[in-house]
Amino acid sequence: MFRNVFRLILIFVGTLFLRQAVLFVMRAFTQLSGSRAAASQTARQQSGGELKKDPVCGTFVAVASSIKRTVNGEVIHFCSTACRDKYLVA
């Protein structure tokens, strides 16, 4: 009888611990994505213009200072000539 009660208590405590661990991880990811959005907003404000995402490396680059290439009628913005060349080769 005591063993069954002890097992139920262990299951209850284990469930609470697991729930808290999952909540902690979820909060960490939420804060991480929030800080990325804030960093993107800050970069946009500092550059004074629109930002575009480099399709090769994923870096956001200001439209005014980006390396532009027209592909299939669409202007694509790159952060460097190396990224532009990698995109054109692929």
PDB file of N, CA and C in Angstrom:
ATOM      1  N   MET A   1       0.817  -1.192   0.000  1.00  0.00           N
ATOM      2  CA  MET A   1       0.000   0.000   0.000  1.00  0.00           C
ATOM      3  C   MET A   1       0.871   1.271   0.000  1.00  0.00           C
ATOM      4  N   PHE A   2       1.881   1.280   0.868  1.00  0.00           N
ATOM      5  CA  PHE A   2       2.772   2.435   0.944  1.00  0.00           C
ATOM      6  C   PHE A   2       3.517   2.637  -0.376  1.00  0.00           C
ATOM      7  N   ARG A   3       3.887   1.541  -1.024  1.00  0.00           N
ATOM      8  CA  ARG A   3       4.600   1.646  -2.308  1.00  0.00           C
ATOM      9  C   ARG A   3       3.730   2.314  -3.372  1.00  0.00           C
ATOM     10  N   ASN A   4       2.470   1.957  -3.408  1.00  0.00           N
ATOM     11  CA  ASN A   4       1.565   2.560  -4.398  1.00  0.00           C
ATOM     12  C   ASN A   4       1.380   4.055  -4.156  1.00  0.00           C
ATOM     13  N   VAL A   5       1.228   4.451  -2.913  1.00  0.00           N
ATOM     14  CA  VAL A   5       1.103   5.869  -2.583  1.00  0.00           C
ATOM     15  C   VAL A   5       2.391   6.605  -2.948  1.00  0.00           C
ATOM     16  N   PHE A   6       3.535   5.999  -2.651  1.00  0.00           N
ATOM     17  CA  PHE A   6       4.826   6.595  -2.973  1.00  0.00           C
ATOM     18  C   PHE A   6       4.979   6.745  -4.490  1.00  0.00           C
ATOM     19  N   ARG A   7       4.562   5.754  -5.244  1.00  0.00           N
ATOM     20  CA  ARG A   7       4.625   5.834  -6.708  1.00  0.00           C
ATOM     21  C   ARG A   7       3.740   6.958  -7.237  1.00  0.00           C
ATOM     22  N   LEU A   8       2.547   7.096  -6.702  1.00  0.00           N
ATOM     23  CA  LEU A   8       1.658   8.172  -7.129  1.00  0.00           C
ATOM     24  C   LEU A   8       2.263   9.543  -6.835  1.00  0.00           C
ATOM     25  N   ILE A   9       2.887   9.674  -5.674  1.00  0.00           N
ATOM     26  CA  ILE A   9       3.534  10.938  -5.320  1.00  0.00           C
ATOM     27  C   ILE A   9       4.695  11.218  -6.278  1.00  0.00           C
ATOM     28  N   LEU A  10       5.489  10.207  -6.592  1.00  0.00           N
ATOM     29  CA  LEU A  10       6.598  10.379  -7.526  1.00  0.00           C
ATOM     30  C   LEU A  10       6.099  10.767  -8.913  1.00  0.00           C
ATOM     31  N   ILE A  11       5.027  10.143  -9.357  1.00  0.00           N
ATOM     32  CA  ILE A  11       4.462  10.478 -10.669  1.00  0.00           C
ATOM     33  C   ILE A  11       3.976  11.927 -10.671  1.00  0.00           C
ATOM     34  N   PHE A  12       3.308  12.323  -9.605  1.00  0.00           N
ATOM     35  CA  PHE A  12       2.800  13.692  -9.496  1.00  0.00           C
ATOM     36  C   PHE A  12       3.943  14.706  -9.513  1.00  0.00           C
ATOM     37  N   VAL A  13       4.965  14.471  -8.716  1.00  0.00           N
ATOM     38  CA  VAL A  13       6.112  15.388  -8.659  1.00  0.00           C
ATOM     39  C   VAL A  13       6.855  15.394  -9.993  1.00  0.00           C
ATOM     40  N   GLY A  14       7.016  14.229 -10.614  1.00  0.00           N
ATOM     41  CA  GLY A  14       7.680  14.150 -11.914  1.00  0.00           C
ATOM     42  C   GLY A  14       6.921  14.915 -12.984  1.00  0.00           C
ATOM     43  N   THR A  15       5.595  14.812 -12.950  1.00  0.00           N
ATOM     44  CA  THR A  15       4.765  15.535 -13.910  1.00  0.00           C
ATOM     45  C   THR A  15       4.898  17.043 -13.716  1.00  0.00           C
ATOM     46  N   LEU A  16       4.896  17.490 -12.473  1.00  0.00           N
ATOM     47  CA  LEU A  16       5.073  18.921 -12.203  1.00  0.00           C
ATOM     48  C   LEU A  16       6.433  19.411 -12.693  1.00  0.00           C
ATOM     49  N   PHE A  17       7.468  18.621 -12.432  1.00  0.00           N
ATOM     50  CA  PHE A  17       8.818  18.999 -12.860  1.00  0.00           C
ATOM     51  C   PHE A  17       8.896  19.078 -14.383  1.00  0.00           C
ATOM     52  N   LEU A  18       8.345  18.093 -15.066  1.00  0.00           N
ATOM     53  CA  LEU A  18       8.369  18.074 -16.523  1.00  0.00           C
ATOM     54  C   LEU A  18       7.606  19.267 -17.093  1.00  0.00           C
ATOM     55  N   ARG A  19       6.469  19.573 -16.493  1.00  0.00           N
ATOM     56  CA  ARG A  19       5.675  20.706 -16.945  1.00  0.00           C
ATOM     57  C   ARG A  19       6.464  22.009 -16.786  1.00  0.00           C
ATOM     58  N   GLN A  20       7.131  22.188 -15.663  1.00  0.00           N
ATOM     59  CA  GLN A  20       7.915  23.400 -15.439  1.00  0.00           C
ATOM     60  C   GLN A  20       9.086  23.490 -16.416  1.00  0.00           C
ATOM     61  N   ALA A  21       9.708  22.347 -16.713  1.00  0.00           N
ATOM     62  CA  ALA A  21      10.827  22.335 -17.660  1.00  0.00           C
ATOM     63  C   ALA A  21      10.350  22.737 -19.053  1.00  0.00           C
ATOM     64  N   VAL A  22       9.210  22.241 -19.481  1.00  0.00           N
ATOM     65  CA  VAL A  22       8.669  22.591 -20.794  1.00  0.00           C
ATOM     66  C   VAL A  22       8.315  24.083 -20.836  1.00  0.00           C
ATOM     67  N   LEU A  23       7.718  24.600 -19.792  1.00  0.00           N
ATOM     68  CA  LEU A  23       7.388  26.026 -19.740  1.00  0.00           C
ATOM     69  C   LEU A  23       8.647  26.891 -19.789  1.00  0.00           C
ATOM     70  N   PHE A  24       9.692  26.458 -19.103  1.00  0.00           N
ATOM     71  CA  PHE A  24      10.958  27.198 -19.114  1.00  0.00           C
ATOM     72  C   PHE A  24      11.533  27.263 -20.528  1.00  0.00           C
ATOM     73  N   VAL A  25      11.530  26.136 -21.232  1.00  0.00           N
ATOM     74  CA  VAL A  25      12.062  26.097 -22.595  1.00  0.00           C
ATOM     75  C   VAL A  25      11.212  26.965 -23.521  1.00  0.00           C
ATOM     76  N   MET A  26       9.896  26.902 -23.363  1.00  0.00           N
ATOM     77  CA  MET A  26       9.019  27.723 -24.206  1.00  0.00           C
ATOM     78  C   MET A  26       9.257  29.215 -23.974  1.00  0.00           C
ATOM     79  N   ARG A  27       9.433  29.610 -22.722  1.00  0.00           N
ATOM     80  CA  ARG A  27       9.715  31.028 -22.427  1.00  0.00           C
ATOM     81  C   ARG A  27      11.050  31.453 -23.023  1.00  0.00           C
ATOM     82  N   ALA A  28      12.043  30.569 -22.957  1.00  0.00           N
ATOM     83  CA  ALA A  28      13.358  30.902 -23.508  1.00  0.00           C
ATOM     84  C   ALA A  28      13.263  31.142 -25.015  1.00  0.00           C
ATOM     85  N   PHE A  29      12.538  30.289 -25.728  1.00  0.00           N
ATOM     86  CA  PHE A  29      12.392  30.471 -27.170  1.00  0.00           C
ATOM     87  C   PHE A  29      11.575  31.726 -27.492  1.00  0.00           C
ATOM     88  N   THR A  30      10.583  32.019 -26.692  1.00  0.00           N
ATOM     89  CA  THR A  30       9.782  33.215 -26.908  1.00  0.00           C
ATOM     90  C   THR A  30      10.639  34.469 -26.728  1.00  0.00           C
ATOM     91  N   GLN A  31      11.461  34.489 -25.691  1.00  0.00           N
ATOM     92  CA  GLN A  31      12.328  35.640 -25.462  1.00  0.00           C
ATOM     93  C   GLN A  31      13.367  35.754 -26.560  1.00  0.00           C
ATOM     94  N   LEU A  32      13.873  34.616 -27.039  1.00  0.00           N
ATOM     95  CA  LEU A  32      14.869  34.629 -28.104  1.00  0.00           C
ATOM     96  C   LEU A  32      14.275  35.212 -29.373  1.00  0.00           C
ATOM     97  N   SER A  33      13.094  34.774 -29.749  1.00  0.00           N
ATOM     98  CA  SER A  33      12.478  35.306 -30.965  1.00  0.00           C
ATOM     99  C   SER A  33      12.109  36.769 -30.785  1.00  0.00           C
ATOM    100  N   GLY A  34      11.734  37.162 -29.574  1.00  0.00           N
ATOM    101  CA  GLY A  34      11.431  38.571 -29.311  1.00  0.00           C
ATOM    102  C   GLY A  34      12.656  39.444 -29.439  1.00  0.00           C
ATOM    103  N   SER A  35      13.799  38.952 -28.972  1.00  0.00           N
ATOM    104  CA  SER A  35      15.026  39.742 -29.068  1.00  0.00           C
ATOM    105  C   SER A  35      15.496  39.841 -30.514  1.00  0.00           C
ATOM    106  N   ARG A  36      15.261  38.805 -31.312  1.00  0.00           N
ATOM    107  CA  ARG A  36      15.615  38.874 -32.727  1.00  0.00           C
ATOM    108  C   ARG A  36      14.762  39.906 -33.449  1.00  0.00           C
ATOM    109  N   ALA A  37      13.482  39.942 -33.119  1.00  0.00           N
ATOM    110  CA  ALA A  37      12.602  40.926 -33.739  1.00  0.00           C
ATOM    111  C   ALA A  37      13.021  42.330 -33.339  1.00  0.00           C
ATOM    112  N   ALA A  38      13.393  42.504 -32.080  1.00  0.00           N
ATOM    113  CA  ALA A  38      13.839  43.818 -31.616  1.00  0.00           C
ATOM    114  C   ALA A  38      15.135  44.221 -32.304  1.00  0.00           C
ATOM    115  N   ALA A  39      16.052  43.281 -32.484  1.00  0.00           N
ATOM    116  CA  ALA A  39      17.314  43.579 -33.163  1.00  0.00           C
ATOM    117  C   ALA A  39      17.063  43.964 -34.615  1.00  0.00           C
ATOM    118  N   SER A  40      16.134  43.273 -35.260  1.00  0.00           N
ATOM    119  CA  SER A  40      15.795  43.597 -36.641  1.00  0.00           C
ATOM    120  C   SER A  40      15.191  44.995 -36.725  1.00  0.00           C
ATOM    121  N   GLN A  41      14.303  45.314 -35.791  1.00  0.00           N
ATOM    122  CA  GLN A  41      13.689  46.642 -35.765  1.00  0.00           C
ATOM    123  C   GLN A  41      14.738  47.714 -35.525  1.00  0.00           C
ATOM    124  N   THR A  42      15.686  47.459 -34.617  1.00  0.00           N
ATOM    125  CA  THR A  42      16.752  48.422 -34.329  1.00  0.00           C
ATOM    126  C   THR A  42      17.628  48.645 -35.557  1.00  0.00           C
ATOM    127  N   ALA A  43      17.974  47.572 -36.246  1.00  0.00           N
ATOM    128  CA  ALA A  43      18.795  47.705 -37.447  1.00  0.00           C
ATOM    129  C   ALA A  43      18.066  48.500 -38.514  1.00  0.00           C
ATOM    130  N   ARG A  44      16.772  48.278 -38.631  1.00  0.00           N
ATOM    131  CA  ARG A  44      15.980  49.011 -39.615  1.00  0.00           C
ATOM    132  C   ARG A  44      15.960  50.507 -39.284  1.00  0.00           C
ATOM    133  N   GLN A  45      15.836  50.829 -38.008  1.00  0.00           N
ATOM    134  CA  GLN A  45      15.803  52.225 -37.606  1.00  0.00           C
ATOM    135  C   GLN A  45      17.153  52.894 -37.812  1.00  0.00           C
ATOM    136  N   GLN A  46      18.239  52.171 -37.537  1.00  0.00           N
ATOM    137  CA  GLN A  46      19.570  52.750 -37.677  1.00  0.00           C
ATOM    138  C   GLN A  46      19.927  52.974 -39.138  1.00  0.00           C
ATOM    139  N   SER A  47      19.499  52.073 -40.002  1.00  0.00           N
ATOM    140  CA  SER A  47      19.854  52.202 -41.411  1.00  0.00           C
ATOM    141  C   SER A  47      19.051  53.290 -42.091  1.00  0.00           C
ATOM    142  N   GLY A  48      17.914  53.626 -41.503  1.00  0.00           N
ATOM    143  CA  GLY A  48      17.102  54.681 -42.068  1.00  0.00           C
ATOM    144  C   GLY A  48      16.381  54.258 -43.325  1.00  0.00           C
ATOM    145  N   GLY A  49      16.319  52.972 -43.604  1.00  0.00           N
ATOM    146  CA  GLY A  49      15.642  52.515 -44.807  1.00  0.00           C
ATOM    147  C   GLY A  49      15.129  51.100 -44.658  1.00  0.00           C
ATOM    148  N   GLU A  50      14.658  50.596 -45.741  1.00  0.00           N
ATOM    149  CA  GLU A  50      14.083  49.256 -45.766  1.00  0.00           C
ATOM    150  C   GLU A  50      15.190  48.203 -45.779  1.00  0.00           C
ATOM    151  N   LEU A  51      14.938  47.082 -45.100  1.00  0.00           N
ATOM    152  CA  LEU A  51      15.879  45.974 -45.083  1.00  0.00           C
ATOM    153  C   LEU A  51      15.322  44.822 -45.899  1.00  0.00           C
ATOM    154  N   LYS A  52      16.196  44.141 -46.592  1.00  0.00           N
ATOM    155  CA  LYS A  52      15.838  42.937 -47.350  1.00  0.00           C
ATOM    156  C   LYS A  52      16.725  41.800 -46.878  1.00  0.00           C
ATOM    157  N   LYS A  53      16.198  40.586 -46.939  1.00  0.00           N
ATOM    158  CA  LYS A  53      16.940  39.418 -46.482  1.00  0.00           C
ATOM    159  C   LYS A  53      17.729  38.808 -47.633  1.00  0.00           C
ATOM    160  N   ASP A  54      19.020  38.590 -47.388  1.00  0.00           N
ATOM    161  CA  ASP A  54      19.886  37.934 -48.364  1.00  0.00           C
ATOM    162  C   ASP A  54      19.427  36.479 -48.490  1.00  0.00           C
ATOM    163  N   PRO A  55      19.106  35.996 -49.695  1.00  0.00           N
ATOM    164  CA  PRO A  55      18.598  34.629 -49.841  1.00  0.00           C
ATOM    165  C   PRO A  55      19.651  33.549 -49.609  1.00  0.00           C
ATOM    166  N   VAL A  56      20.912  33.901 -49.591  1.00  0.00           N
ATOM    167  CA  VAL A  56      21.971  32.913 -49.409  1.00  0.00           C
ATOM    168  C   VAL A  56      22.295  32.716 -47.933  1.00  0.00           C
ATOM    169  N   CYS A  57      22.660  33.791 -47.251  1.00  0.00           N
ATOM    170  CA  CYS A  57      23.109  33.672 -45.857  1.00  0.00           C
ATOM    171  C   CYS A  57      22.059  34.103 -44.843  1.00  0.00           C
ATOM    172  N   GLY A  58      20.997  34.772 -45.288  1.00  0.00           N
ATOM    173  CA  GLY A  58      19.937  35.166 -44.378  1.00  0.00           C
ATOM    174  C   GLY A  58      20.174  36.481 -43.651  1.00  0.00           C
ATOM    175  N   THR A  59      21.231  37.184 -43.990  1.00  0.00           N
ATOM    176  CA  THR A  59      21.528  38.464 -43.362  1.00  0.00           C
ATOM    177  C   THR A  59      20.578  39.530 -43.905  1.00  0.00           C
ATOM    178  N   PHE A  60      20.116  40.407 -43.013  1.00  0.00           N
ATOM    179  CA  PHE A  60      19.308  41.536 -43.465  1.00  0.00           C
ATOM    180  C   PHE A  60      20.241  42.655 -43.867  1.00  0.00           C
ATOM    181  N   VAL A  61      19.999  43.215 -45.033  1.00  0.00           N
ATOM    182  CA  VAL A  61      20.863  44.247 -45.576  1.00  0.00           C
ATOM    183  C   VAL A  61      19.993  45.427 -46.023  1.00  0.00           C
ATOM    184  N   ALA A  62      20.497  46.633 -45.809  1.00  0.00           N
ATOM    185  CA  ALA A  62      19.769  47.827 -46.225  1.00  0.00           C
ATOM    186  C   ALA A  62      19.701  47.874 -47.747  1.00  0.00           C
ATOM    187  N   VAL A  63      18.547  48.255 -48.263  1.00  0.00           N
ATOM    188  CA  VAL A  63      18.348  48.315 -49.705  1.00  0.00           C
ATOM    189  C   VAL A  63      19.345  49.278 -50.342  1.00  0.00           C
ATOM    190  N   ALA A  64      19.617  50.380 -49.654  1.00  0.00           N
ATOM    191  CA  ALA A  64      20.519  51.389 -50.214  1.00  0.00           C
ATOM    192  C   ALA A  64      21.946  50.877 -50.373  1.00  0.00           C
ATOM    193  N   SER A  65      22.384  49.978 -49.498  1.00  0.00           N
ATOM    194  CA  SER A  65      23.772  49.510 -49.554  1.00  0.00           C
ATOM    195  C   SER A  65      23.904  48.067 -50.053  1.00  0.00           C
ATOM    196  N   SER A  66      22.827  47.475 -50.500  1.00  0.00           N
ATOM    197  CA  SER A  66      22.887  46.079 -50.933  1.00  0.00           C
ATOM    198  C   SER A  66      23.428  45.964 -52.351  1.00  0.00           C
ATOM    199  N   ILE A  67      23.871  44.764 -52.670  1.00  0.00           N
ATOM    200  CA  ILE A  67      24.291  44.445 -54.030  1.00  0.00           C
ATOM    201  C   ILE A  67      23.065  43.838 -54.704  1.00  0.00           C
ATOM    202  N   LYS A  68      22.604  44.471 -55.759  1.00  0.00           N
ATOM    203  CA  LYS A  68      21.344  44.075 -56.392  1.00  0.00           C
ATOM    204  C   LYS A  68      21.596  43.262 -57.645  1.00  0.00           C
ATOM    205  N   ARG A  69      20.685  42.335 -57.870  1.00  0.00           N
ATOM    206  CA  ARG A  69      20.740  41.530 -59.088  1.00  0.00           C
ATOM    207  C   ARG A  69      19.306  41.239 -59.494  1.00  0.00           C
ATOM    208  N   THR A  70      18.975  41.424 -60.753  1.00  0.00           N
ATOM    209  CA  THR A  70      17.632  41.128 -61.248  1.00  0.00           C
ATOM    210  C   THR A  70      17.629  39.720 -61.822  1.00  0.00           C
ATOM    211  N   VAL A  71      16.754  38.879 -61.262  1.00  0.00           N
ATOM    212  CA  VAL A  71      16.615  37.501 -61.718  1.00  0.00           C
ATOM    213  C   VAL A  71      15.141  37.259 -62.003  1.00  0.00           C
ATOM    214  N   ASN A  72      14.834  36.885 -63.248  1.00  0.00           N
ATOM    215  CA  ASN A  72      13.454  36.636 -63.666  1.00  0.00           C
ATOM    216  C   ASN A  72      12.552  37.824 -63.370  1.00  0.00           C
ATOM    217  N   GLY A  73      13.052  39.032 -63.581  1.00  0.00           N
ATOM    218  CA  GLY A  73      12.268  40.239 -63.379  1.00  0.00           C
ATOM    219  C   GLY A  73      12.124  40.671 -61.929  1.00  0.00           C
ATOM    220  N   GLU A  74      12.766  39.972 -61.011  1.00  0.00           N
ATOM    221  CA  GLU A  74      12.677  40.305 -59.585  1.00  0.00           C
ATOM    222  C   GLU A  74      14.039  40.783 -59.090  1.00  0.00           C
ATOM    223  N   VAL A  75      14.049  41.905 -58.387  1.00  0.00           N
ATOM    224  CA  VAL A  75      15.295  42.434 -57.840  1.00  0.00           C
ATOM    225  C   VAL A  75      15.595  41.690 -56.544  1.00  0.00           C
ATOM    226  N   ILE A  76      16.776  41.091 -56.477  1.00  0.00           N
ATOM    227  CA  ILE A  76      17.212  40.353 -55.300  1.00  0.00           C
ATOM    228  C   ILE A  76      18.385  41.105 -54.685  1.00  0.00           C
ATOM    229  N   HIS A  77      18.363  41.234 -53.359  1.00  0.00           N
ATOM    230  CA  HIS A  77      19.377  42.005 -52.636  1.00  0.00           C
ATOM    231  C   HIS A  77      20.327  41.055 -51.917  1.00  0.00           C
ATOM    232  N   PHE A  78      21.634  41.312 -52.068  1.00  0.00           N
ATOM    233  CA  PHE A  78      22.674  40.491 -51.445  1.00  0.00           C
ATOM    234  C   PHE A  78      23.536  41.347 -50.539  1.00  0.00           C
ATOM    235  N   CYS A  79      24.117  40.717 -49.516  1.00  0.00           N
ATOM    236  CA  CYS A  79      24.975  41.458 -48.593  1.00  0.00           C
ATOM    237  C   CYS A  79      26.399  41.577 -49.115  1.00  0.00           C
ATOM    238  N   SER A  80      26.796  40.652 -50.004  1.00  0.00           N
ATOM    239  CA  SER A  80      28.169  40.682 -50.515  1.00  0.00           C
ATOM    240  C   SER A  80      28.210  40.069 -51.912  1.00  0.00           C
ATOM    241  N   THR A  81      29.330  40.284 -52.587  1.00  0.00           N
ATOM    242  CA  THR A  81      29.490  39.678 -53.909  1.00  0.00           C
ATOM    243  C   THR A  81      29.620  38.165 -53.801  1.00  0.00           C
ATOM    244  N   ALA A  82      30.175  37.690 -52.682  1.00  0.00           N
ATOM    245  CA  ALA A  82      30.300  36.237 -52.489  1.00  0.00           C
ATOM    246  C   ALA A  82      28.924  35.584 -52.431  1.00  0.00           C
ATOM    247  N   CYS A  83      27.997  36.187 -51.709  1.00  0.00           N
ATOM    248  CA  CYS A  83      26.629  35.640 -51.642  1.00  0.00           C
ATOM    249  C   CYS A  83      25.955  35.715 -53.010  1.00  0.00           C
ATOM    250  N   ARG A  84      26.168  36.824 -53.710  1.00  0.00           N
ATOM    251  CA  ARG A  84      25.587  36.961 -55.048  1.00  0.00           C
ATOM    252  C   ARG A  84      26.091  35.868 -55.973  1.00  0.00           C
ATOM    253  N   ASP A  85      27.403  35.608 -55.924  1.00  0.00           N
ATOM    254  CA  ASP A  85      27.988  34.582 -56.787  1.00  0.00           C
ATOM    255  C   ASP A  85      27.505  33.191 -56.415  1.00  0.00           C
ATOM    256  N   LYS A  86      27.354  32.913 -55.125  1.00  0.00           N
ATOM    257  CA  LYS A  86      26.833  31.604 -54.687  1.00  0.00           C
ATOM    258  C   LYS A  86      25.404  31.417 -55.181  1.00  0.00           C
ATOM    259  N   TYR A  87      24.603  32.469 -55.137  1.00  0.00           N
ATOM    260  CA  TYR A  87      23.221  32.380 -55.582  1.00  0.00           C
ATOM    261  C   TYR A  87      23.147  32.120 -57.080  1.00  0.00           C
ATOM    262  N   LEU A  88      24.001  32.787 -57.843  1.00  0.00           N
ATOM    263  CA  LEU A  88      23.973  32.646 -59.289  1.00  0.00           C
ATOM    264  C   LEU A  88      24.475  31.269 -59.729  1.00  0.00           C
ATOM    265  N   VAL A  89      25.386  30.665 -58.975  1.00  0.00           N
ATOM    266  CA  VAL A  89      25.913  29.344 -59.308  1.00  0.00           C
ATOM    267  C   VAL A  89      24.849  28.271 -59.021  1.00  0.00           C
ATOM    268  N   ALA A  90      24.117  28.456 -57.929  1.00  0.00           N
ATOM    269  CA  ALA A  90      23.120  27.445 -57.520  1.00  0.00           C
ATOM    270  C   ALA A  90      21.923  27.478 -58.378  1.00  0.00           C
TER     271      ALA A  90
END
